[in-house]
């Protein structure tokens, strides 16, 4: 004897329906690759001009690039972002334009971003 539940016997399978899903093609543009170039130096007493030769040893490929070849440039002295009017950059040369110079041993980080 088989049991019945709501007119169905226990061995019948339930009816499953799936909703219709419309498919859309989504294309996203990948972001541009950003290349970060860095230059590290330590301030020397009274020095306003820093060149590739003043770079801290031990870091690979430290060069001051031509500003025309990069998209953005940031200068940090002792971890503080400097306004653009405080310095001038040419290929291989960083010139500080302020009246005072950084204290001896202060870190100088020049960050150059290439998009």
Protein backbone atom coordinates (compact mmCIF):
# COMPACT_ATOMS: atom_id res chain seq x y z
CA UNK A 1 0.00 0.00 0.00
CA UNK A 2 1.44 3.39 -1.01
CA UNK A 3 0.78 6.57 0.89
CA UNK A 4 -0.66 9.52 -0.93
CA UNK A 5 -0.06 13.15 -0.17
CA UNK A 6 -2.17 15.72 -1.98
CA UNK A 7 -2.94 13.24 -4.70
CA UNK A 8 0.73 12.31 -5.32
CA UNK A 9 2.50 9.21 -4.20
CA UNK A 10 5.82 9.49 -2.29
CA UNK A 11 7.87 8.24 -5.22
CA UNK A 12 7.01 11.04 -7.62
CA UNK A 13 9.64 13.75 -8.18
CA UNK A 14 8.84 17.39 -7.54
CA UNK A 15 8.57 19.68 -10.52
CA UNK A 16 11.37 22.24 -10.57
CA UNK A 17 11.31 25.26 -12.79
CA UNK A 18 14.13 27.73 -13.34
CA UNK A 19 13.55 31.40 -14.11
CA UNK A 20 14.60 32.68 -17.50
CA UNK A 21 17.69 34.83 -17.27
CA UNK A 22 18.63 37.11 -20.09
CA UNK A 23 22.33 37.25 -20.76
CA UNK A 24 24.22 40.48 -21.29
CA UNK A 25 27.76 40.87 -22.52
CA UNK A 26 29.69 43.12 -20.19
CA UNK A 27 33.02 44.46 -21.34
CA UNK A 28 35.21 46.49 -19.08
CA UNK A 29 38.29 48.38 -20.09
CA UNK A 30 41.31 47.41 -18.04
CA UNK A 31 43.04 50.29 -16.27
CA UNK A 32 46.30 51.55 -17.63
CA UNK A 33 49.40 50.12 -16.09
CA UNK A 34 51.16 52.58 -13.81
CA UNK A 35 54.93 52.41 -13.56
CA UNK A 36 56.44 54.02 -10.47
CA UNK A 37 60.02 55.28 -10.58
CA UNK A 38 61.65 56.44 -7.36
CA UNK A 39 64.76 58.35 -6.39
CA UNK A 40 66.04 58.32 -2.79
CA UNK A 41 68.69 60.58 -1.32
CA UNK A 42 69.75 62.00 2.03
CA UNK A 43 70.11 65.76 2.40
CA UNK A 44 73.61 67.10 2.83
CA UNK A 45 74.54 70.28 4.67
CA UNK A 46 73.73 73.32 2.51
CA UNK A 47 73.06 71.29 -0.66
CA UNK A 48 70.31 72.46 -3.04
CA UNK A 49 71.17 70.45 -6.14
CA UNK A 50 70.85 66.65 -6.19
CA UNK A 51 71.86 64.47 -9.12
CA UNK A 52 71.68 60.78 -10.00
CA UNK A 53 75.07 60.38 -8.29
CA UNK A 54 73.57 61.47 -4.92
CA UNK A 55 71.11 58.55 -4.89
CA UNK A 56 71.21 56.14 -1.96
CA UNK A 57 73.12 53.01 -2.89
CA UNK A 58 71.38 49.65 -2.77
CA UNK A 59 68.24 50.56 -4.68
CA UNK A 60 68.17 49.50 -8.34
CA UNK A 61 67.69 51.94 -11.22
CA UNK A 62 67.55 55.21 -9.32
CA UNK A 63 67.48 58.02 -11.81
CA UNK A 64 65.83 61.40 -12.00
CA UNK A 65 63.81 61.13 -15.19
CA UNK A 66 62.96 63.85 -17.67
CA UNK A 67 59.66 65.45 -16.55
CA UNK A 68 58.39 65.21 -20.14
CA UNK A 69 58.67 61.40 -19.97
CA UNK A 70 56.49 60.95 -16.87
CA UNK A 71 52.89 61.85 -16.03
CA UNK A 72 53.20 62.91 -12.39
CA UNK A 73 56.03 63.89 -10.05
CA UNK A 74 55.89 64.13 -6.26
CA UNK A 75 58.73 65.29 -4.01
CA UNK A 76 58.77 64.36 -0.33
CA UNK A 77 61.30 65.82 2.08
CA UNK A 78 61.27 64.18 5.50
CA UNK A 79 57.96 62.56 4.50
CA UNK A 80 56.24 65.87 3.70
CA UNK A 81 54.88 66.42 0.20
CA UNK A 82 56.45 69.56 -1.28
CA UNK A 83 54.56 72.06 -3.45
CA UNK A 84 55.68 72.17 -7.07
CA UNK A 85 56.96 75.72 -6.74
CA UNK A 86 59.61 74.55 -4.24
CA UNK A 87 61.65 72.57 -6.76
CA UNK A 88 62.65 72.19 -10.40
CA UNK A 89 63.46 68.96 -12.18
CA UNK A 90 65.50 68.29 -15.28
CA UNK A 91 66.75 64.92 -16.44
CA UNK A 92 69.28 63.78 -13.85
CA UNK A 93 68.94 66.91 -11.67
CA UNK A 94 66.69 68.01 -8.78
CA UNK A 95 67.03 71.65 -7.72
CA UNK A 96 65.47 72.94 -4.50
CA UNK A 97 64.21 76.51 -4.93
CA UNK A 98 63.42 77.34 -1.29
CA UNK A 99 65.41 79.83 0.81
CA UNK A 100 66.26 77.21 3.39
CA UNK A 101 67.58 73.74 2.68
CA UNK A 102 66.61 70.48 4.36
CA UNK A 103 68.46 69.56 7.54
CA UNK A 104 71.41 67.25 7.13
CA UNK A 105 70.28 63.63 6.86
CA UNK A 106 66.67 64.41 5.91
CA UNK A 107 65.18 61.92 3.46
CA UNK A 108 64.49 63.11 -0.06
CA UNK A 109 62.11 60.95 -2.06
CA UNK A 110 61.26 61.82 -5.64
CA UNK A 111 58.36 59.78 -6.95
CA UNK A 112 57.76 59.73 -10.73
CA UNK A 113 54.62 58.09 -12.12
CA UNK A 114 54.41 56.93 -15.71
CA UNK A 115 50.98 56.12 -17.12
